[in-house]
PDB file of N, CA and C in Angstrom:
ATOM      1  N   MET A   1      -3.862  40.308 115.736  1.00  0.00           N
ATOM      2  CA  MET A   1      -4.760  39.238 116.402  1.00  0.00           C
ATOM      3  C   MET A   1      -3.838  38.134 115.278  1.00  0.00           C
ATOM      4  N   ASN A   2      -4.081  37.979 114.526  1.00  0.00           N
ATOM      5  CA  ASN A   2      -3.409  36.595 113.569  1.00  0.00           C
ATOM      6  C   ASN A   2      -2.247  36.662 113.997  1.00  0.00           C
ATOM      7  N   MET A   3      -1.535  37.669 113.737  1.00  0.00           N
ATOM      8  CA  MET A   3      -0.074  37.556 114.261  1.00  0.00           C
ATOM      9  C   MET A   3       0.080  37.307 115.522  1.00  0.00           C
ATOM     10  N   VAL A   4      -0.459  36.884 116.668  1.00  0.00           N
ATOM     11  CA  VAL A   4      -0.308  36.648 118.162  1.00  0.00           C
ATOM     12  C   VAL A   4      -0.528  34.948 117.900  1.00  0.00           C
ATOM     13  N   LYS A   5      -1.460  34.704 116.945  1.00  0.00           N
ATOM     14  CA  LYS A   5      -1.880  33.124 116.600  1.00  0.00           C
ATOM     15  C   LYS A   5      -1.086  32.589 115.884  1.00  0.00           C
ATOM     16  N   ILE A   6      -0.142  33.133 114.892  1.00  0.00           N
ATOM     17  CA  ILE A   6       0.465  32.492 114.234  1.00  0.00           C
ATOM     18  C   ILE A   6       2.257  32.874 114.759  1.00  0.00           C
ATOM     19  N   GLY A   7       2.226  33.557 115.530  1.00  0.00           N
ATOM     20  CA  GLY A   7       3.335  33.292 116.883  1.00  0.00           C
ATOM     21  C   GLY A   7       3.681  32.251 117.814  1.00  0.00           C
ATOM     22  N   ALA A   8       1.825  31.679 118.237  1.00  0.00           N
ATOM     23  CA  ALA A   8       1.884  31.072 119.254  1.00  0.00           C
ATOM     24  C   ALA A   8       1.984  29.401 118.259  1.00  0.00           C
ATOM     25  N   VAL A   9       1.388  29.019 117.072  1.00  0.00           N
ATOM     26  CA  VAL A   9       1.602  28.084 116.413  1.00  0.00           C
ATOM     27  C   VAL A   9       2.956  27.967 115.788  1.00  0.00           C
ATOM     28  N   ALA A  10       4.020  29.016 115.902  1.00  0.00           N
ATOM     29  CA  ALA A  10       5.369  29.622 115.488  1.00  0.00           C
ATOM     30  C   ALA A  10       5.800  28.443 116.483  1.00  0.00           C
ATOM     31  N   CYS A  11       5.799  28.808 117.836  1.00  0.00           N
ATOM     32  CA  CYS A  11       6.781  28.478 119.265  1.00  0.00           C
ATOM     33  C   CYS A  11       6.189  27.434 119.621  1.00  0.00           C
ATOM     34  N   LEU A  12       4.830  26.655 119.579  1.00  0.00           N
ATOM     35  CA  LEU A  12       4.763  25.342 119.543  1.00  0.00           C
ATOM     36  C   LEU A  12       5.151  24.858 118.394  1.00  0.00           C
ATOM     37  N   ALA A  13       5.512  24.944 117.478  1.00  0.00           N
ATOM     38  CA  ALA A  13       6.247  24.054 116.636  1.00  0.00           C
ATOM     39  C   ALA A  13       7.879  23.993 116.789  1.00  0.00           C
ATOM     40  N   LEU A  14       8.516  25.199 117.236  1.00  0.00           N
ATOM     41  CA  LEU A  14       9.967  24.697 117.867  1.00  0.00           C
ATOM     42  C   LEU A  14       9.508  24.061 119.136  1.00  0.00           C
ATOM     43  N   LEU A  15       8.959  24.006 119.825  1.00  0.00           N
ATOM     44  CA  LEU A  15       8.854  22.907 121.240  1.00  0.00           C
ATOM     45  C   LEU A  15       9.116  21.569 120.658  1.00  0.00           C
ATOM     46  N   THR A  16       7.650  21.217 120.049  1.00  0.00           N
ATOM     47  CA  THR A  16       7.924  19.967 119.278  1.00  0.00           C
ATOM     48  C   THR A  16       8.840  19.688 118.628  1.00  0.00           C
ATOM     49  N   THR A  17       9.415  20.100 117.590  1.00  0.00           N
ATOM     50  CA  THR A  17      11.113  20.029 117.311  1.00  0.00           C
ATOM     51  C   THR A  17      12.397  19.898 117.936  1.00  0.00           C
ATOM     52  N   ALA A  18      11.954  20.677 119.149  1.00  0.00           N
ATOM     53  CA  ALA A  18      13.371  20.658 119.627  1.00  0.00           C
ATOM     54  C   ALA A  18      13.708  19.331 120.158  1.00  0.00           C
ATOM     55  N   PRO A  19      13.227  18.510 121.043  1.00  0.00           N
ATOM     56  CA  PRO A  19      13.560  17.054 121.562  1.00  0.00           C
ATOM     57  C   PRO A  19      14.375  16.633 119.977  1.00  0.00           C
ATOM     58  N   GLY A  20      13.641  16.557 119.102  1.00  0.00           N
ATOM     59  CA  GLY A  20      13.702  15.566 117.967  1.00  0.00           C
ATOM     60  C   GLY A  20      15.197  15.779 117.249  1.00  0.00           C
ATOM     61  N   ALA A  21      15.192  17.601 117.402  1.00  0.00           N
ATOM     62  CA  ALA A  21      16.427  17.812 116.869  1.00  0.00           C
ATOM     63  C   ALA A  21      17.829  17.262 117.621  1.00  0.00           C
ATOM     64  N   VAL A  22      17.627  17.671 119.124  1.00  0.00           N
ATOM     65  CA  VAL A  22      18.227  17.022 120.370  1.00  0.00           C
ATOM     66  C   VAL A  22      18.929  16.133 120.633  1.00  0.00           C
ATOM     67  N   ALA A  23      17.884  15.227 119.964  1.00  0.00           N
ATOM     68  CA  ALA A  23      17.755  13.263 119.700  1.00  0.00           C
ATOM     69  C   ALA A  23      18.454  12.880 118.611  1.00  0.00           C
ATOM     70  N   ASP A  24      18.991  13.826 117.500  1.00  0.00           N
ATOM     71  CA  ASP A  24      19.236  13.769 116.430  1.00  0.00           C
ATOM     72  C   ASP A  24      21.020  14.301 116.143  1.00  0.00           C
ATOM     73  N   LYS A  25      21.601  14.922 117.810  1.00  0.00           N
ATOM     74  CA  LYS A  25      22.474  14.820 117.551  1.00  0.00           C
ATOM     75  C   LYS A  25      23.516  14.725 118.780  1.00  0.00           C
ATOM     76  N   ALA A  26      22.388  13.800 120.113  1.00  0.00           N
ATOM     77  CA  ALA A  26      22.978  13.387 120.285  1.00  0.00           C
ATOM     78  C   ALA A  26      23.712  11.447 120.036  1.00  0.00           C
ATOM     79  N   ARG A  27      24.853  11.020 120.964  1.00  0.00           N
ATOM     80  CA  ARG A  27      25.121   9.589 120.767  1.00  0.00           C
ATOM     81  C   ARG A  27      24.875   8.671 121.657  1.00  0.00           C
ATOM     82  N   VAL A  28      24.957   7.129 120.993  1.00  0.00           N
ATOM     83  CA  VAL A  28      24.486   6.545 121.561  1.00  0.00           C
ATOM     84  C   VAL A  28      26.093   5.561 122.966  1.00  0.00           C
ATOM     85  N   VAL A  29      26.024   5.728 123.991  1.00  0.00           N
ATOM     86  CA  VAL A  29      26.815   5.809 124.533  1.00  0.00           C
ATOM     87  C   VAL A  29      27.082   3.985 125.265  1.00  0.00           C
ATOM     88  N   ALA A  30      25.663   3.476 125.578  1.00  0.00           N
ATOM     89  CA  ALA A  30      25.839   2.159 125.595  1.00  0.00           C
ATOM     90  C   ALA A  30      24.100   1.706 125.669  1.00  0.00           C
ATOM     91  N   CYS A  31      23.567   0.725 125.449  1.00  0.00           N
ATOM     92  CA  CYS A  31      22.523  -0.082 125.251  1.00  0.00           C
ATOM     93  C   CYS A  31      22.238  -1.028 126.312  1.00  0.00           C
ATOM     94  N   TYR A  32      21.303  -0.834 127.073  1.00  0.00           N
ATOM     95  CA  TYR A  32      20.357  -1.738 127.928  1.00  0.00           C
ATOM     96  C   TYR A  32      19.412  -2.144 127.748  1.00  0.00           C
ATOM     97  N   LYS A  33      19.628  -3.538 128.910  1.00  0.00           N
ATOM     98  CA  LYS A  33      18.293  -4.302 128.851  1.00  0.00           C
ATOM     99  C   LYS A  33      17.360  -4.830 129.892  1.00  0.00           C
ATOM    100  N   GLU A  34      16.352  -4.465 130.361  1.00  0.00           N
ATOM    101  CA  GLU A  34      15.314  -4.643 131.620  1.00  0.00           C
ATOM    102  C   GLU A  34      15.684  -6.333 131.615  1.00  0.00           C
ATOM    103  N   VAL A  35      16.005  -7.034 132.360  1.00  0.00           N
ATOM    104  CA  VAL A  35      16.234  -8.474 133.198  1.00  0.00           C
ATOM    105  C   VAL A  35      15.709  -8.248 134.439  1.00  0.00           C
ATOM    106  N   THR A  36      14.636  -9.309 134.571  1.00  0.00           N
ATOM    107  CA  THR A  36      13.500  -8.967 135.879  1.00  0.00           C
ATOM    108  C   THR A  36      14.475 -10.427 136.726  1.00  0.00           C
ATOM    109  N   VAL A  37      14.726 -10.336 137.911  1.00  0.00           N
ATOM    110  CA  VAL A  37      15.551 -11.362 138.481  1.00  0.00           C
ATOM    111  C   VAL A  37      14.440 -11.750 139.651  1.00  0.00           C
ATOM    112  N   PRO A  38      13.713 -12.847 139.907  1.00  0.00           N
ATOM    113  CA  PRO A  38      12.944 -13.821 140.695  1.00  0.00           C
ATOM    114  C   PRO A  38      13.193 -13.595 141.676  1.00  0.00           C
ATOM    115  N   ALA A  39      12.650 -13.643 142.826  1.00  0.00           N
ATOM    116  CA  ALA A  39      12.880 -13.789 144.217  1.00  0.00           C
ATOM    117  C   ALA A  39      13.685 -15.031 145.044  1.00  0.00           C
ATOM    118  N   ARG A  40      14.535 -14.860 145.843  1.00  0.00           N
ATOM    119  CA  ARG A  40      14.955 -15.632 146.495  1.00  0.00           C
ATOM    120  C   ARG A  40      14.950 -15.997 147.815  1.00  0.00           C
ATOM    121  N   TYR A  41      14.903 -17.270 147.770  1.00  0.00           N
ATOM    122  CA  TYR A  41      13.994 -17.841 149.272  1.00  0.00           C
ATOM    123  C   TYR A  41      15.008 -18.650 149.874  1.00  0.00           C
ATOM    124  N   ASP A  42      14.808 -19.063 151.224  1.00  0.00           N
ATOM    125  CA  ASP A  42      15.557 -19.738 151.930  1.00  0.00           C
ATOM    126  C   ASP A  42      14.416 -20.526 152.512  1.00  0.00           C
ATOM    127  N   VAL A  43      15.184 -22.052 152.149  1.00  0.00           N
ATOM    128  CA  VAL A  43      14.083 -23.222 152.429  1.00  0.00           C
ATOM    129  C   VAL A  43      14.787 -24.127 153.263  1.00  0.00           C
ATOM    130  N   LYS A  44      13.863 -24.431 154.409  1.00  0.00           N
ATOM    131  CA  LYS A  44      14.166 -24.981 155.428  1.00  0.00           C
ATOM    132  C   LYS A  44      13.456 -26.151 155.517  1.00  0.00           C
ATOM    133  N   LYS A  45      13.685 -27.497 155.554  1.00  0.00           N
ATOM    134  CA  LYS A  45      12.527 -29.000 155.414  1.00  0.00           C
ATOM    135  C   LYS A  45      12.428 -29.119 156.796  1.00  0.00           C
ATOM    136  N   VAL A  46      11.845 -29.120 157.594  1.00  0.00           N
ATOM    137  CA  VAL A  46      10.347 -29.758 158.754  1.00  0.00           C
ATOM    138  C   VAL A  46      10.033 -30.628 158.726  1.00  0.00           C
ATOM    139  N   LEU A  47      11.216 -32.030 159.828  1.00  0.00           N
ATOM    140  CA  LEU A  47       9.912 -32.965 159.771  1.00  0.00           C
ATOM    141  C   LEU A  47       8.853 -32.956 160.482  1.00  0.00           C
ATOM    142  N   VAL A  48       7.641 -33.507 160.325  1.00  0.00           N
ATOM    143  CA  VAL A  48       6.586 -33.771 160.460  1.00  0.00           C
ATOM    144  C   VAL A  48       6.626 -34.771 161.061  1.00  0.00           C
ATOM    145  N   LYS A  49       6.464 -35.784 160.485  1.00  0.00           N
ATOM    146  CA  LYS A  49       6.801 -37.242 160.642  1.00  0.00           C
ATOM    147  C   LYS A  49       8.125 -38.183 160.333  1.00  0.00           C
ATOM    148  N   GLU A  50       8.013 -39.023 161.289  1.00  0.00           N
ATOM    149  CA  GLU A  50       9.551 -39.744 161.074  1.00  0.00           C
ATOM    150  C   GLU A  50       9.400 -41.571 160.228  1.00  0.00           C
ATOM    151  N   THR A  51      10.140 -41.511 159.305  1.00  0.00           N
ATOM    152  CA  THR A  51       9.832 -42.706 159.352  1.00  0.00           C
ATOM    153  C   THR A  51       9.303 -44.067 159.776  1.00  0.00           C
ATOM    154  N   SER A  52       8.576 -44.319 159.397  1.00  0.00           N
ATOM    155  CA  SER A  52       7.979 -45.776 160.259  1.00  0.00           C
ATOM    156  C   SER A  52       7.971 -47.082 159.687  1.00  0.00           C
ATOM    157  N   ARG A  53       7.393 -48.364 160.039  1.00  0.00           N
ATOM    158  CA  ARG A  53       7.509 -49.226 159.946  1.00  0.00           C
ATOM    159  C   ARG A  53       6.345 -50.100 160.202  1.00  0.00           C
ATOM    160  N   GLN A  54       5.612 -50.811 159.874  1.00  0.00           N
ATOM    161  CA  GLN A  54       4.378 -51.727 160.074  1.00  0.00           C
ATOM    162  C   GLN A  54       4.306 -52.936 159.783  1.00  0.00           C
ATOM    163  N   TYR A  55       3.862 -53.556 160.593  1.00  0.00           N
ATOM    164  CA  TYR A  55       3.944 -55.058 159.810  1.00  0.00           C
ATOM    165  C   TYR A  55       1.907 -55.206 159.501  1.00  0.00           C
ATOM    166  N   VAL A  56       1.664 -56.020 158.006  1.00  0.00           N
ATOM    167  CA  VAL A  56       0.400 -55.990 157.800  1.00  0.00           C
ATOM    168  C   VAL A  56       0.496 -57.299 157.219  1.00  0.00           C
ATOM    169  N   ARG A  57      -1.032 -58.033 157.737  1.00  0.00           N
ATOM    170  CA  ARG A  57      -1.269 -59.422 156.912  1.00  0.00           C
ATOM    171  C   ARG A  57      -2.269 -59.425 155.944  1.00  0.00           C
ATOM    172  N   ARG A  58      -1.777 -60.274 154.527  1.00  0.00           N
ATOM    173  CA  ARG A  58      -2.517 -60.086 153.298  1.00  0.00           C
ATOM    174  C   ARG A  58      -2.267 -61.063 152.983  1.00  0.00           C
ATOM    175  N   ASN A  59      -3.333 -62.060 152.344  1.00  0.00           N
ATOM    176  CA  ASN A  59      -3.059 -63.135 151.948  1.00  0.00           C
ATOM    177  C   ASN A  59      -2.059 -64.177 152.699  1.00  0.00           C
ATOM    178  N   GLY A  60      -2.615 -64.573 153.445  1.00  0.00           N
ATOM    179  CA  GLY A  60      -1.860 -65.168 154.524  1.00  0.00           C
ATOM    180  C   GLY A  60      -0.005 -65.010 154.587  1.00  0.00           C
ATOM    181  N   LEU A  61       0.150 -63.550 154.003  1.00  0.00           N
ATOM    182  CA  LEU A  61       1.589 -63.457 154.559  1.00  0.00           C
ATOM    183  C   LEU A  61       1.476 -62.493 155.425  1.00  0.00           C
ATOM    184  N   VAL A  62       2.200 -61.950 155.922  1.00  0.00           N
ATOM    185  CA  VAL A  62       2.953 -61.366 156.872  1.00  0.00           C
ATOM    186  C   VAL A  62       4.487 -60.201 155.973  1.00  0.00           C
ATOM    187  N   LEU A  63       3.449 -58.993 155.902  1.00  0.00           N
ATOM    188  CA  LEU A  63       4.857 -58.147 155.283  1.00  0.00           C
ATOM    189  C   LEU A  63       5.433 -57.131 155.739  1.00  0.00           C
ATOM    190  N   LEU A  64       6.218 -56.600 155.805  1.00  0.00           N
ATOM    191  CA  LEU A  64       6.811 -55.054 156.419  1.00  0.00           C
ATOM    192  C   LEU A  64       6.510 -54.180 155.606  1.00  0.00           C
ATOM    193  N   LEU A  65       5.815 -53.205 155.781  1.00  0.00           N
ATOM    194  CA  LEU A  65       5.851 -51.860 155.512  1.00  0.00           C
ATOM    195  C   LEU A  65       6.586 -50.990 155.734  1.00  0.00           C
ATOM    196  N   GLU A  66       7.588 -50.191 154.922  1.00  0.00           N
ATOM    197  CA  GLU A  66       7.652 -49.011 155.399  1.00  0.00           C
ATOM    198  C   GLU A  66       7.595 -47.952 154.687  1.00  0.00           C
ATOM    199  N   TYR A  67       6.577 -46.675 155.423  1.00  0.00           N
ATOM    200  CA  TYR A  67       6.245 -45.352 155.185  1.00  0.00           C
ATOM    201  C   TYR A  67       7.710 -44.406 155.437  1.00  0.00           C
ATOM    202  N   PRO A  68       7.804 -43.261 154.124  1.00  0.00           N
ATOM    203  CA  PRO A  68       8.809 -42.523 154.296  1.00  0.00           C
ATOM    204  C   PRO A  68       8.634 -41.604 155.027  1.00  0.00           C
ATOM    205  N   ALA A  69       9.515 -40.854 155.641  1.00  0.00           N
ATOM    206  CA  ALA A  69       9.441 -39.729 156.415  1.00  0.00           C
ATOM    207  C   ALA A  69       8.789 -38.448 155.511  1.00  0.00           C
ATOM    208  N   ILE A  70       8.141 -37.531 156.357  1.00  0.00           N
ATOM    209  CA  ILE A  70       7.131 -36.722 155.596  1.00  0.00           C
ATOM    210  C   ILE A  70       7.595 -35.228 156.046  1.00  0.00           C
ATOM    211  N   TYR A  71       7.909 -34.379 155.366  1.00  0.00           N
ATOM    212  CA  TYR A  71       8.478 -33.202 155.481  1.00  0.00           C
ATOM    213  C   TYR A  71       7.714 -31.843 155.180  1.00  0.00           C
ATOM    214  N   ARG A  72       7.726 -30.749 156.283  1.00  0.00           N
ATOM    215  CA  ARG A  72       6.712 -29.670 154.926  1.00  0.00           C
ATOM    216  C   ARG A  72       8.033 -28.291 154.818  1.00  0.00           C
ATOM    217  N   GLU A  73       8.076 -27.850 153.932  1.00  0.00           N
ATOM    218  CA  GLU A  73       9.077 -26.749 154.240  1.00  0.00           C
ATOM    219  C   GLU A  73       8.719 -25.274 154.301  1.00  0.00           C
ATOM    220  N   ASP A  74       9.611 -24.800 155.383  1.00  0.00           N
ATOM    221  CA  ASP A  74       9.023 -23.346 155.634  1.00  0.00           C
ATOM    222  C   ASP A  74      10.262 -22.541 154.349  1.00  0.00           C
ATOM    223  N   LYS A  75       9.311 -21.215 154.200  1.00  0.00           N
ATOM    224  CA  LYS A  75      10.205 -20.658 153.364  1.00  0.00           C
ATOM    225  C   LYS A  75      10.627 -19.236 153.645  1.00  0.00           C
ATOM    226  N   THR A  76      11.450 -18.698 153.890  1.00  0.00           N
ATOM    227  CA  THR A  76      11.860 -17.104 154.051  1.00  0.00           C
ATOM    228  C   THR A  76      12.649 -15.939 152.871  1.00  0.00           C
ATOM    229  N   LEU A  77      11.534 -14.939 152.856  1.00  0.00           N
ATOM    230  CA  LEU A  77      12.351 -14.087 151.524  1.00  0.00           C
ATOM    231  C   LEU A  77      13.526 -13.371 151.980  1.00  0.00           C
ATOM    232  N   VAL A  78      14.440 -13.646 151.153  1.00  0.00           N
ATOM    233  CA  VAL A  78      15.805 -13.665 151.559  1.00  0.00           C
ATOM    234  C   VAL A  78      15.916 -11.860 150.395  1.00  0.00           C
ATOM    235  N   GLU A  79      15.282 -11.972 149.322  1.00  0.00           N
ATOM    236  CA  GLU A  79      15.594 -11.191 148.579  1.00  0.00           C
ATOM    237  C   GLU A  79      14.002 -10.867 147.604  1.00  0.00           C
ATOM    238  N   ALA A  80      13.917  -9.982 147.469  1.00  0.00           N
ATOM    239  CA  ALA A  80      12.564  -9.541 146.520  1.00  0.00           C
ATOM    240  C   ALA A  80      13.020 -10.050 145.241  1.00  0.00           C
ATOM    241  N   GLU A  81      11.768 -10.079 144.259  1.00  0.00           N
ATOM    242  CA  GLU A  81      11.676  -9.703 142.951  1.00  0.00           C
ATOM    243  C   GLU A  81      12.301  -8.332 142.506  1.00  0.00           C
ATOM    244  N   HIS A  82      13.348  -8.273 141.883  1.00  0.00           N
ATOM    245  CA  HIS A  82      13.612  -6.455 140.758  1.00  0.00           C
ATOM    246  C   HIS A  82      13.985  -6.880 139.642  1.00  0.00           C
ATOM    247  N   VAL A  83      14.334  -5.681 139.271  1.00  0.00           N
ATOM    248  CA  VAL A  83      14.604  -5.418 137.576  1.00  0.00           C
ATOM    249  C   VAL A  83      16.004  -4.693 137.595  1.00  0.00           C
ATOM    250  N   LEU A  84      17.012  -5.559 137.024  1.00  0.00           N
ATOM    251  CA  LEU A  84      18.391  -4.915 136.601  1.00  0.00           C
ATOM    252  C   LEU A  84      18.515  -4.670 135.769  1.00  0.00           C
ATOM    253  N   MET A  85      19.366  -3.637 134.928  1.00  0.00           N
ATOM    254  CA  MET A  85      19.501  -2.906 134.153  1.00  0.00           C
ATOM    255  C   MET A  85      21.006  -4.029 133.432  1.00  0.00           C
ATOM    256  N   ARG A  86      20.866  -5.252 132.232  1.00  0.00           N
ATOM    257  CA  ARG A  86      22.401  -5.709 132.024  1.00  0.00           C
ATOM    258  C   ARG A  86      22.401  -4.737 130.292  1.00  0.00           C
ATOM    259  N   GLU A  87      23.773  -4.178 129.975  1.00  0.00           N
ATOM    260  CA  GLU A  87      24.686  -3.906 129.094  1.00  0.00           C
ATOM    261  C   GLU A  87      24.659  -5.148 128.351  1.00  0.00           C
ATOM    262  N   VAL A  88      23.934  -4.598 126.962  1.00  0.00           N
ATOM    263  CA  VAL A  88      23.630  -5.311 125.312  1.00  0.00           C
ATOM    264  C   VAL A  88      24.040  -4.844 124.590  1.00  0.00           C
ATOM    265  N   VAL A  89      24.933  -5.486 123.308  1.00  0.00           N
ATOM    266  CA  VAL A  89      25.192  -5.122 122.198  1.00  0.00           C
ATOM    267  C   VAL A  89      24.719  -4.254 121.735  1.00  0.00           C
ATOM    268  N   CYS A  90      24.448  -2.665 120.756  1.00  0.00           N
ATOM    269  CA  CYS A  90      23.446  -1.896 120.566  1.00  0.00           C
ATOM    270  C   CYS A  90      23.265  -2.642 119.038  1.00  0.00           C
ATOM    271  N   LYS A  91      22.433  -2.557 118.409  1.00  0.00           N
ATOM    272  CA  LYS A  91      22.211  -2.852 117.002  1.00  0.00           C
ATOM    273  C   LYS A  91      21.866  -2.026 116.299  1.00  0.00           C
ATOM    274  N   GLN A  92      21.936  -1.624 115.562  1.00  0.00           N
ATOM    275  CA  GLN A  92      21.993  -0.475 114.158  1.00  0.00           C
ATOM    276  C   GLN A  92      22.255  -0.244 113.400  1.00  0.00           C
TER     277      GLN A  92
END
């Protein structure tokens, strides 16, 4: 019974150290860094109200006021946010 436990412990020790032994023999080929690329949108301006002019009386004067055009933006998703793997210099 004790031999079975010892054998099981020995197998477990070999399994846990095996990846470390393989990693020590492996060589680094390249290093990468994850870079998040933001989403891209196609934006179109849509005219809501045109430019307008209006006469206003203030303090005995007649003023010509100009109001700028008003636009809204319609956004269409072109490319969703994603992650790229960029190659970087390995620092060891």
